C-alpha atoms as a PDB file:
ATOM      1  CA  MET A   1     113.483 -89.606  -9.126  1.00  0.00           C
ATOM      2  CA  ALA A   2     111.324 -86.839 -10.927  1.00  0.00           C
ATOM      3  CA  PRO A   3     107.651 -85.813  -9.585  1.00  0.00           C
ATOM      4  CA  LYS A   4     105.805 -87.501 -12.891  1.00  0.00           C
ATOM      5  CA  THR A   5     107.677 -91.097 -12.323  1.00  0.00           C
ATOM      6  CA  TRP A   6     106.884 -90.780  -8.508  1.00  0.00           C
ATOM      7  CA  LEU A   7     103.477 -89.973  -9.342  1.00  0.00           C
ATOM      8  CA  PHE A   8     103.217 -93.005 -11.969  1.00  0.00           C
ATOM      9  CA  TRP A   9     104.575 -94.962  -9.918  1.00  0.00           C
ATOM     10  CA  SER A  10     102.371 -94.430  -6.773  1.00  0.00           C
ATOM     11  CA  CYS A  11      99.366 -94.803  -9.226  1.00  0.00           C
ATOM     12  CA  LEU A  12     100.727 -97.851 -10.314  1.00  0.00           C
ATOM     13  CA  LEU A  13     101.567 -99.611  -6.851  1.00  0.00           C
ATOM     14  CA  ILE A  14      97.549 -98.656  -5.713  1.00  0.00           C
ATOM     15  CA  SER A  15      96.400 -99.930  -8.757  1.00  0.00           C
ATOM     16  CA  VAL A  16      97.871-103.415  -8.554  1.00  0.00           C
ATOM     17  CA  LEU A  17      97.121-103.741  -4.892  1.00  0.00           C
ATOM     18  CA  TYR A  18      93.310-102.765  -5.438  1.00  0.00           C
ATOM     19  CA  PHE A  19      93.774-105.938  -8.761  1.00  0.00           C
ATOM     20  CA  VAL A  20      95.357-107.741  -5.919  1.00  0.00           C
ATOM     21  CA  LEU A  21      92.537-106.923  -2.973  1.00  0.00           C
ATOM     22  CA  ARG A  22      89.803-107.443  -5.723  1.00  0.00           C
ATOM     23  CA  TYR A  23      90.656-110.864  -6.911  1.00  0.00           C
ATOM     24  CA  ILE A  24      91.338-112.394  -3.552  1.00  0.00           C
ATOM     25  CA  LYS A  25      87.664-110.857  -2.953  1.00  0.00           C
ATOM     26  CA  ASP A  26      85.956-112.853  -5.752  1.00  0.00           C
ATOM     27  CA  ILE A  27      88.431-115.923  -5.985  1.00  0.00           C
ATOM     28  CA  ARG A  28      85.870-118.202  -4.086  1.00  0.00           C
ATOM     29  CA  CYS A  29      83.035-116.517  -6.377  1.00  0.00           C
ATOM     30  CA  TYR A  30      85.181-117.989  -9.431  1.00  0.00           C
ATOM     31  CA  ARG A  31      85.832-121.295  -8.272  1.00  0.00           C
ATOM     32  CA  LEU A  32      81.683-121.996  -7.241  1.00  0.00           C
ATOM     33  CA  ASN A  33      80.638-120.627 -10.830  1.00  0.00           C
ATOM     34  CA  LYS A  34      83.800-122.048 -12.781  1.00  0.00           C
ATOM     35  CA  PRO A  35      84.164-125.774 -11.541  1.00  0.00           C
ATOM     36  CA  TYR A  36      86.221-126.349 -14.475  1.00  0.00           C
ATOM     37  CA  MET A  37      89.610-124.693 -15.504  1.00  0.00           C
ATOM     38  CA  TYR A  38      90.788-125.575 -18.473  1.00  0.00           C
ATOM     39  CA  LYS A  39      94.823-125.899 -19.313  1.00  0.00           C
ATOM     40  CA  TYR A  40      96.419-123.974 -22.003  1.00  0.00           C
ATOM     41  CA  GLY A  41      97.063-126.541 -25.103  1.00  0.00           C
ATOM     42  CA  GLU A  42      94.134-128.621 -24.573  1.00  0.00           C
ATOM     43  CA  VAL A  43      91.516-129.276 -27.942  1.00  0.00           C
ATOM     44  CA  GLY A  44      89.217-126.099 -27.805  1.00  0.00           C
ATOM     45  CA  SER A  45      90.303-124.870 -24.373  1.00  0.00           C
ATOM     46  CA  ILE A  46      90.247-121.081 -25.857  1.00  0.00           C
ATOM     47  CA  ASP A  47      86.992-121.953 -27.358  1.00  0.00           C
ATOM     48  CA  MET A  48      85.520-123.047 -23.882  1.00  0.00           C
ATOM     49  CA  ILE A  49      86.995-120.209 -21.968  1.00  0.00           C
ATOM     50  CA  ALA A  50      85.453-118.006 -24.171  1.00  0.00           C
ATOM     51  CA  GLN A  51      82.199-119.336 -23.720  1.00  0.00           C
ATOM     52  CA  SER A  52      82.237-119.238 -20.350  1.00  0.00           C
ATOM     53  CA  SER A  53      83.741-116.063 -19.915  1.00  0.00           C
ATOM     54  CA  GLY A  54      81.613-113.151 -17.602  1.00  0.00           C
ATOM     55  CA  MET A  55      82.135-110.762 -20.578  1.00  0.00           C
ATOM     56  CA  LYS A  56      80.309-113.122 -23.508  1.00  0.00           C
ATOM     57  CA  ASP A  57      77.021-111.708 -23.326  1.00  0.00           C
ATOM     58  CA  TRP A  58      78.890-108.214 -23.873  1.00  0.00           C
ATOM     59  CA  SER A  59      78.541-106.690 -27.732  1.00  0.00           C
ATOM     60  CA  PRO A  60      81.229-108.043 -29.490  1.00  0.00           C
ATOM     61  CA  ASN A  61      81.793-104.489 -30.917  1.00  0.00           C
ATOM     62  CA  THR A  62      82.780-103.411 -27.583  1.00  0.00           C
ATOM     63  CA  LYS A  63      85.233-105.833 -27.187  1.00  0.00           C
ATOM     64  CA  VAL A  64      86.932-105.981 -30.434  1.00  0.00           C
ATOM     65  CA  GLY A  65      86.980-102.334 -30.658  1.00  0.00           C
ATOM     66  CA  LEU A  66      88.538-102.093 -27.315  1.00  0.00           C
ATOM     67  CA  SER A  67      91.062-104.820 -28.122  1.00  0.00           C
ATOM     68  CA  VAL A  68      92.159-102.763 -31.350  1.00  0.00           C
ATOM     69  CA  MET A  69      92.242 -99.216 -29.675  1.00  0.00           C
ATOM     70  CA  MET A  70      94.747-101.089 -26.831  1.00  0.00           C
ATOM     71  CA  LEU A  71      96.714-102.771 -29.828  1.00  0.00           C
ATOM     72  CA  LEU A  72      97.204 -99.338 -31.885  1.00  0.00           C
ATOM     73  CA  MET A  73      97.674 -97.227 -28.625  1.00  0.00           C
ATOM     74  CA  ALA A  74     100.422 -99.511 -27.586  1.00  0.00           C
ATOM     75  CA  VAL A  75     102.332 -99.558 -30.982  1.00  0.00           C
ATOM     76  CA  GLY A  76     101.103 -95.697 -31.707  1.00  0.00           C
ATOM     77  CA  PHE A  77     102.131 -93.816 -28.673  1.00  0.00           C
ATOM     78  CA  ASN A  78     105.783 -96.161 -28.441  1.00  0.00           C
ATOM     79  CA  ASN A  79     105.866 -95.274 -24.443  1.00  0.00           C
ATOM     80  CA  PHE A  80     107.145 -97.273 -21.871  1.00  0.00           C
ATOM     81  CA  TYR A  81     104.260 -96.270 -19.319  1.00  0.00           C
ATOM     82  CA  VAL A  82     101.337 -96.130 -21.559  1.00  0.00           C
ATOM     83  CA  SER A  83     102.375 -99.936 -22.284  1.00  0.00           C
ATOM     84  CA  ILE A  84     102.379-100.500 -18.158  1.00  0.00           C
ATOM     85  CA  VAL A  85      98.733 -99.374 -18.368  1.00  0.00           C
ATOM     86  CA  ILE A  86      98.062-101.141 -21.445  1.00  0.00           C
ATOM     87  CA  ILE A  87      98.995-104.326 -19.898  1.00  0.00           C
ATOM     88  CA  LEU A  88      96.973-103.980 -16.380  1.00  0.00           C
ATOM     89  CA  ALA A  89      94.069-102.776 -18.189  1.00  0.00           C
ATOM     90  CA  MET A  90      93.902-105.494 -20.166  1.00  0.00           C
ATOM     91  CA  THR A  91      94.722-107.907 -17.296  1.00  0.00           C
ATOM     92  CA  TYR A  92      92.103-106.405 -14.943  1.00  0.00           C
ATOM     93  CA  VAL A  93      89.463-106.718 -17.677  1.00  0.00           C
ATOM     94  CA  THR A  94      89.872-110.213 -19.061  1.00  0.00           C
ATOM     95  CA  VAL A  95      90.649-111.308 -14.873  1.00  0.00           C
ATOM     96  CA  ILE A  96      87.570-109.335 -13.215  1.00  0.00           C
ATOM     97  CA  ASN A  97      85.210-108.189 -15.813  1.00  0.00           C
ATOM     98  CA  GLY A  98      85.375-111.908 -17.862  1.00  0.00           C
ATOM     99  CA  LYS A  99      85.491-113.491 -14.240  1.00  0.00           C
ATOM    100  CA  ILE A 100      88.663-116.123 -15.506  1.00  0.00           C
ATOM    101  CA  GLY A 101      91.129-117.639 -13.399  1.00  0.00           C
ATOM    102  CA  PHE A 102      94.375-116.091 -12.846  1.00  0.00           C
ATOM    103  CA  ARG A 103      96.284-118.942 -13.209  1.00  0.00           C
ATOM    104  CA  VAL A 104      95.011-119.661 -16.673  1.00  0.00           C
ATOM    105  CA  TYR A 105      95.202-115.814 -18.235  1.00  0.00           C
ATOM    106  CA  LEU A 106      98.588-116.845 -17.074  1.00  0.00           C
ATOM    107  CA  SER A 107      99.164-119.836 -18.854  1.00  0.00           C
ATOM    108  CA  CYS A 108      97.682-118.441 -22.324  1.00  0.00           C
ATOM    109  CA  MET A 109     100.606-115.453 -21.548  1.00  0.00           C
ATOM    110  CA  ALA A 110     103.201-117.589 -20.553  1.00  0.00           C
ATOM    111  CA  VAL A 111     103.944-118.893 -24.205  1.00  0.00           C
ATOM    112  CA  PRO A 112     103.946-115.338 -26.105  1.00  0.00           C
ATOM    113  CA  PHE A 113     105.955-113.967 -22.768  1.00  0.00           C
ATOM    114  CA  ILE A 114     108.667-116.432 -23.081  1.00  0.00           C
ATOM    115  CA  PHE A 115     108.821-116.074 -27.381  1.00  0.00           C
ATOM    116  CA  ILE A 116     108.954-112.400 -26.538  1.00  0.00           C
ATOM    117  CA  LEU A 117     112.068-112.776 -23.739  1.00  0.00           C
ATOM    118  CA  LEU A 118     113.769-114.548 -26.128  1.00  0.00           C
ATOM    119  CA  SER A 119     113.652-112.369 -28.677  1.00  0.00           C
ATOM    120  CA  SER A 120     114.565-109.662 -26.920  1.00  0.00           C
ATOM    121  CA  LEU A 121     118.036-111.173 -26.129  1.00  0.00           C
ATOM    122  CA  THR A 122     118.909-110.485 -29.600  1.00  0.00           C
ATOM    123  CA  MET A 123     118.233-106.968 -29.531  1.00  0.00           C
ATOM    124  CA  THR A 124     120.551-106.723 -25.955  1.00  0.00           C
ATOM    125  CA  ILE A 125     123.825-108.497 -26.460  1.00  0.00           C
ATOM    126  CA  GLU A 126     125.859-108.519 -29.041  1.00  0.00           C
ATOM    127  CA  PHE A 127     129.560-109.678 -29.794  1.00  0.00           C
ATOM    128  CA  SER A 128     132.948-107.942 -30.536  1.00  0.00           C
ATOM    129  CA  ARG A 129     136.052-108.766 -30.741  1.00  0.00           C
ATOM    130  CA  LEU A 130     137.219-105.515 -28.200  1.00  0.00           C
ATOM    131  CA  ALA A 131     135.897-104.854 -24.622  1.00  0.00           C
ATOM    132  CA  SER A 132     132.879-102.323 -25.349  1.00  0.00           C
ATOM    133  CA  GLY A 133     129.491-100.855 -23.499  1.00  0.00           C
ATOM    134  CA  GLU A 134     128.796-101.008 -20.460  1.00  0.00           C
ATOM    135  CA  PHE A 135     128.756-104.618 -19.251  1.00  0.00           C
ATOM    136  CA  ASN A 136     131.151-106.862 -20.890  1.00  0.00           C
ATOM    137  CA  LEU A 137     131.737-110.460 -20.831  1.00  0.00           C
ATOM    138  CA  TYR A 138     134.998-111.918 -22.291  1.00  0.00           C
ATOM    139  CA  VAL A 139     134.377-115.576 -23.884  1.00  0.00           C
ATOM    140  CA  GLY A 140     137.835-116.583 -24.886  1.00  0.00           C
ATOM    141  CA  PHE A 141     137.479-115.489 -28.862  1.00  0.00           C
ATOM    142  CA  GLY A 142     135.502-112.097 -28.007  1.00  0.00           C
ATOM    143  CA  TYR A 143     133.503-110.254 -25.871  1.00  0.00           C
ATOM    144  CA  ILE A 144     129.250-110.438 -25.328  1.00  0.00           C
ATOM    145  CA  TYR A 145     128.507-107.047 -24.325  1.00  0.00           C
ATOM    146  CA  THR A 146     125.540-104.878 -24.199  1.00  0.00           C
ATOM    147  CA  THR A 147     124.560-101.041 -23.024  1.00  0.00           C
ATOM    148  CA  ILE A 148     121.928 -99.228 -21.199  1.00  0.00           C
ATOM    149  CA  GLY A 149     120.445 -97.804 -24.779  1.00  0.00           C
ATOM    150  CA  HIS A 150     120.386-101.170 -26.217  1.00  0.00           C
ATOM    151  CA  MET A 151     118.583-102.397 -22.676  1.00  0.00           C
ATOM    152  CA  ARG A 152     115.882 -99.203 -22.639  1.00  0.00           C
ATOM    153  CA  LYS A 153     115.103 -99.951 -26.219  1.00  0.00           C
ATOM    154  CA  THR A 154     114.444-103.857 -25.347  1.00  0.00           C
ATOM    155  CA  LEU A 155     113.231-103.016 -22.023  1.00  0.00           C
ATOM    156  CA  LEU A 156     110.425-100.284 -24.478  1.00  0.00           C
ATOM    157  CA  MET A 157     110.115-103.416 -27.027  1.00  0.00           C
ATOM    158  CA  VAL A 158     108.938-105.898 -24.590  1.00  0.00           C
ATOM    159  CA  ALA A 159     106.558-103.923 -22.654  1.00  0.00           C
ATOM    160  CA  LYS A 160     104.983-102.094 -26.520  1.00  0.00           C
ATOM    161  CA  ALA A 161     105.038-106.217 -27.609  1.00  0.00           C
ATOM    162  CA  ILE A 162     103.417-107.937 -24.098  1.00  0.00           C
ATOM    163  CA  ALA A 163     100.668-104.652 -24.412  1.00  0.00           C
ATOM    164  CA  ALA A 164      99.841-105.696 -27.650  1.00  0.00           C
ATOM    165  CA  VAL A 165     100.056-109.091 -26.938  1.00  0.00           C
ATOM    166  CA  SER A 166      97.616-109.117 -23.814  1.00  0.00           C
ATOM    167  CA  ALA A 167      95.103-107.015 -25.489  1.00  0.00           C
ATOM    168  CA  LEU A 168      94.551-109.267 -28.030  1.00  0.00           C
ATOM    169  CA  GLU A 169      94.245-112.005 -25.136  1.00  0.00           C
ATOM    170  CA  MET A 170      91.556-110.053 -23.927  1.00  0.00           C
ATOM    171  CA  MET A 171      89.238-109.904 -26.653  1.00  0.00           C
ATOM    172  CA  THR A 172      90.303-113.672 -27.768  1.00  0.00           C
ATOM    173  CA  LEU A 173      89.503-115.262 -23.874  1.00  0.00           C
ATOM    174  CA  SER A 174      86.277-112.796 -23.698  1.00  0.00           C
ATOM    175  CA  THR A 175      84.916-113.350 -27.760  1.00  0.00           C
ATOM    176  CA  PRO A 176      83.717-116.447 -29.328  1.00  0.00           C
ATOM    177  CA  LEU A 177      85.243-117.087 -32.775  1.00  0.00           C
ATOM    178  CA  TYR A 178      81.993-116.437 -34.793  1.00  0.00           C
ATOM    179  CA  ASP A 179      81.393-113.451 -32.790  1.00  0.00           C
ATOM    180  CA  ILE A 180      84.909-112.218 -33.741  1.00  0.00           C
ATOM    181  CA  LEU A 181      83.945-113.104 -37.669  1.00  0.00           C
ATOM    182  CA  GLY A 182      80.801-111.221 -37.578  1.00  0.00           C
ATOM    183  CA  VAL A 183      82.540-107.816 -36.676  1.00  0.00           C
ATOM    184  CA  LEU A 184      85.040-108.596 -39.437  1.00  0.00           C
ATOM    185  CA  GLU A 185      82.106-109.158 -41.911  1.00  0.00           C
ATOM    186  CA  LYS A 186      80.351-105.784 -40.461  1.00  0.00           C
ATOM    187  CA  CYS A 187      83.508-103.997 -41.294  1.00  0.00           C
ATOM    188  CA  ARG A 188      83.220-104.914 -44.842  1.00  0.00           C
ATOM    189  CA  VAL A 189      86.077-107.825 -44.640  1.00  0.00           C
ATOM    190  CA  PRO A 190      86.002-109.980 -47.792  1.00  0.00           C
ATOM    191  CA  ARG A 191      83.482-112.820 -47.121  1.00  0.00           C
ATOM    192  CA  LEU A 192      86.160-115.601 -48.505  1.00  0.00           C
ATOM    193  CA  MET A 193      88.472-114.360 -46.250  1.00  0.00           C
ATOM    194  CA  ILE A 194      86.622-114.862 -43.149  1.00  0.00           C
ATOM    195  CA  GLU A 195      85.137-118.100 -44.189  1.00  0.00           C
ATOM    196  CA  LEU A 196      88.889-119.145 -44.727  1.00  0.00           C
ATOM    197  CA  MET A 197      89.919-117.943 -40.969  1.00  0.00           C
ATOM    198  CA  ASN A 198      87.136-120.461 -39.978  1.00  0.00           C
ATOM    199  CA  LEU A 199      87.990-123.656 -41.625  1.00  0.00           C
ATOM    200  CA  ILE A 200      91.727-122.554 -40.907  1.00  0.00           C
ATOM    201  CA  TYR A 201      90.959-122.257 -37.145  1.00  0.00           C
ATOM    202  CA  ARG A 202      88.950-125.210 -37.143  1.00  0.00           C
ATOM    203  CA  PHE A 203      91.618-127.255 -38.883  1.00  0.00           C
ATOM    204  CA  VAL A 204      93.671-126.891 -36.179  1.00  0.00           C
ATOM    205  CA  TYR A 205      91.584-128.239 -33.821  1.00  0.00           C
ATOM    206  CA  ILE A 206      91.311-131.055 -35.929  1.00  0.00           C
ATOM    207  CA  LEU A 207      95.345-131.687 -36.126  1.00  0.00           C
ATOM    208  CA  LEU A 208      95.444-131.502 -32.091  1.00  0.00           C
ATOM    209  CA  ASP A 209      92.569-133.504 -31.291  1.00  0.00           C
ATOM    210  CA  VAL A 210      94.023-136.060 -33.820  1.00  0.00           C
ATOM    211  CA  HIS A 211      97.613-135.684 -32.606  1.00  0.00           C
ATOM    212  CA  MET A 212      96.309-136.250 -28.858  1.00  0.00           C
ATOM    213  CA  GLN A 213      94.363-139.257 -29.791  1.00  0.00           C
ATOM    214  CA  MET A 214      97.512-141.443 -31.354  1.00  0.00           C
ATOM    215  CA  LYS A 215      99.413-139.868 -28.652  1.00  0.00           C
ATOM    216  CA  THR A 216      97.136-141.497 -25.858  1.00  0.00           C
ATOM    217  CA  ALA A 217      96.991-144.684 -27.742  1.00  0.00           C
ATOM    218  CA  ALA A 218     100.906-144.956 -28.101  1.00  0.00           C
ATOM    219  CA  ARG A 219     101.336-143.846 -24.290  1.00  0.00           C
ATOM    220  CA  SER A 220      98.641-146.638 -23.605  1.00  0.00           C
ATOM    221  CA  ARG A 221     101.057-149.160 -25.509  1.00  0.00           C
ATOM    222  CA  LEU A 222     104.044-148.191 -23.884  1.00  0.00           C
ATOM    223  CA  GLY A 223     105.331-146.058 -27.050  1.00  0.00           C
ATOM    224  CA  PHE A 224     107.077-143.539 -24.776  1.00  0.00           C
ATOM    225  CA  ASP A 225     108.718-145.887 -22.765  1.00  0.00           C
ATOM    226  CA  GLY A 226     112.600-145.131 -23.434  1.00  0.00           C
ATOM    227  CA  LEU A 227     114.216-142.989 -25.491  1.00  0.00           C
ATOM    228  CA  PHE A 228     114.657-144.893 -28.472  1.00  0.00           C
ATOM    229  CA  THR A 229     111.182-145.983 -28.257  1.00  0.00           C
ATOM    230  CA  ALA A 230     110.051-142.397 -27.728  1.00  0.00           C
ATOM    231  CA  TYR A 231     111.893-141.299 -30.906  1.00  0.00           C
ATOM    232  CA  ARG A 232     110.048-144.216 -33.178  1.00  0.00           C
ATOM    233  CA  SER A 233     106.834-142.992 -31.439  1.00  0.00           C
ATOM    234  CA  PHE A 234     107.179-139.669 -32.127  1.00  0.00           C
ATOM    235  CA  SER A 235     108.303-140.409 -36.133  1.00  0.00           C
ATOM    236  CA  LEU A 236     105.175-142.742 -36.799  1.00  0.00           C
ATOM    237  CA  ILE A 237     102.959-140.073 -35.405  1.00  0.00           C
ATOM    238  CA  ALA A 238     104.509-137.220 -37.207  1.00  0.00           C
ATOM    239  CA  VAL A 239     104.073-139.753 -40.599  1.00  0.00           C
ATOM    240  CA  ASN A 240     100.247-140.311 -39.702  1.00  0.00           C
ATOM    241  CA  LEU A 241      99.146-136.966 -38.799  1.00  0.00           C
ATOM    242  CA  LEU A 242      98.662-135.570 -41.887  1.00  0.00           C
ATOM    243  CA  VAL A 243      96.918-138.724 -43.362  1.00  0.00           C
ATOM    244  CA  VAL A 244      94.562-139.143 -40.442  1.00  0.00           C
ATOM    245  CA  SER A 245      93.904-135.642 -40.318  1.00  0.00           C
ATOM    246  CA  MET A 246      93.083-135.470 -44.133  1.00  0.00           C
ATOM    247  CA  LYS A 247      90.790-138.565 -43.841  1.00  0.00           C
ATOM    248  CA  ARG A 248      88.887-136.218 -40.944  1.00  0.00           C
ATOM    249  CA  ALA A 249      88.536-133.447 -43.065  1.00  0.00           C
ATOM    250  CA  ASN A 250      87.058-135.299 -45.714  1.00  0.00           C
ATOM    251  CA  GLY A 251      84.797-136.603 -43.423  1.00  0.00           C
ATOM    252  CA  TYR A 252      83.754-133.068 -41.879  1.00  0.00           C
ATOM    253  CA  TYR A 253      83.486-131.893 -45.266  1.00  0.00           C
ATOM    254  CA  ASP A 254      81.403-134.963 -46.491  1.00  0.00           C
ATOM    255  CA  ALA A 255      78.949-133.730 -43.110  1.00  0.00           C
ATOM    256  CA  MET A 256      78.701-130.222 -44.233  1.00  0.00           C
ATOM    257  CA  GLU A 257      77.326-131.238 -47.814  1.00  0.00           C
ATOM    258  CA  ALA A 258      74.837-133.001 -46.358  1.00  0.00           C
ATOM    259  CA  ARG A 259      73.824-130.114 -44.249  1.00  0.00           C
ATOM    260  CA  GLY A 260      73.287-128.087 -47.390  1.00  0.00           C
ATOM    261  CA  TYR A 261      76.410-126.477 -47.919  1.00  0.00           C
ATOM    262  CA  ASP A 262      76.735-124.586 -51.175  1.00  0.00           C
ATOM    263  CA  GLY A 263      79.915-122.978 -50.958  1.00  0.00           C
ATOM    264  CA  THR A 264      78.751-119.970 -48.536  1.00  0.00           C
ATOM    265  CA  LEU A 265      79.170-120.626 -44.645  1.00  0.00           C
ATOM    266  CA  ARG A 266      76.396-118.828 -42.546  1.00  0.00           C
ATOM    267  CA  PHE A 267      76.630-118.229 -39.001  1.00  0.00           C
ATOM    268  CA  LEU A 268      73.997-117.767 -36.603  1.00  0.00           C
ATOM    269  CA  GLU A 269      74.413-114.438 -34.090  1.00  0.00           C
ATOM    270  CA  GLU A 270      73.110-114.019 -30.894  1.00  0.00           C
ATOM    271  CA  GLU A 271      71.167-110.307 -30.518  1.00  0.00           C
ATOM    272  CA  ARG A 272      72.885-108.785 -27.657  1.00  0.00           C
ATOM    273  CA  THR A 273      71.630-105.201 -26.449  1.00  0.00           C
ATOM    274  CA  LYS A 274      73.766-102.556 -26.018  1.00  0.00           C
ATOM    275  CA  GLU A 275      74.529-101.562 -22.706  1.00  0.00           C
ATOM    276  CA  CYS A 276      75.737 -98.143 -21.857  1.00  0.00           C
ATOM    277  CA  HIS A 277      78.253 -99.533 -18.528  1.00  0.00           C
ATOM    278  CA  HIS A 278      80.131-101.829 -21.247  1.00  0.00           C
ATOM    279  CA  LEU A 279      80.737 -98.778 -23.422  1.00  0.00           C
ATOM    280  CA  LEU A 280      81.930 -96.686 -20.472  1.00  0.00           C
ATOM    281  CA  TRP A 281      84.343 -99.175 -19.828  1.00  0.00           C
ATOM    282  CA  LEU A 282      86.044 -98.388 -23.233  1.00  0.00           C
ATOM    283  CA  ILE A 283      85.763 -94.671 -22.698  1.00  0.00           C
ATOM    284  CA  VAL A 284      87.344 -94.970 -18.869  1.00  0.00           C
ATOM    285  CA  TRP A 285      90.421 -96.924 -20.572  1.00  0.00           C
ATOM    286  CA  PHE A 286      90.699 -94.749 -23.125  1.00  0.00           C
ATOM    287  CA  GLY A 287      90.763 -92.051 -21.052  1.00  0.00           C
ATOM    288  CA  ILE A 288      93.249 -93.202 -18.695  1.00  0.00           C
ATOM    289  CA  VAL A 289      95.817 -94.241 -21.524  1.00  0.00           C
ATOM    290  CA  LEU A 290      95.354 -90.652 -23.337  1.00  0.00           C
ATOM    291  CA  LEU A 291      95.982 -89.333 -19.148  1.00  0.00           C
ATOM    292  CA  THR A 292      99.081 -91.204 -18.950  1.00  0.00           C
ATOM    293  CA  TYR A 293     100.612 -90.539 -22.349  1.00  0.00           C
ATOM    294  CA  GLY A 294      99.468 -86.845 -21.386  1.00  0.00           C
ATOM    295  CA  ILE A 295     101.491 -86.647 -18.453  1.00  0.00           C
ATOM    296  CA  MET A 296     104.729 -89.066 -19.100  1.00  0.00           C
ATOM    297  CA  GLY A 297     104.990 -88.617 -22.784  1.00  0.00           C
END
């Protein structure tokens, strides 16, 4: 093993051990401060996690800047070792600094991870009528094969994708939506786009809320007792979901107009003091990633 590779994996092992020991040390404090654990997929669960995050009082500019910076470096550097460091860094910031349960973080990462893993199979596996590649399997009408080169490219792509997702998850699980919209407004993003983002995001939760209520009502009437009954209940929910959601959306629009809506959404922002140690975290992680790229690149 090359000295650079040996040094990288040694530092990686030390970092993982430190992360595990730090998490075990603080897990009791997490349970005392967070008696409620929100499962992924519950209505408003991401907003609840962001509101209760230990990084909620951080400047949103710092959090969004760190997330975007890590995302650009994960994609731009195109380096496997850099992607691994970014994954560990964003996991540390989200779980330790954000004081979010590790299981909650894994549940949020599970869906994109499975999607990335399934998508990577199409890059790794190919089909041929002749035996090809270092690894192949005869399936009766041809060969399914892969090569070491394909596996390396797939591993790099998966690492880059997970690093990018972990950077975005850090921002999502620590920054409420109105803070993100405030940062976009400071970046001169068109007002219309910001308002559409807010309305679309809120309407997703309206759909989820209506779906959960209809599903609960169907279950209370044994609507999922048996395969045929489950299919029938599912079809009825799908048909009525759009109609009920439109009624709920019209009700919310009437409520907005009753509160003086004039075509412009205004968001109340909290004034937060910019603390030096928050910016120090950004500089530290930026330096670690650059150091990794300089050594292993």
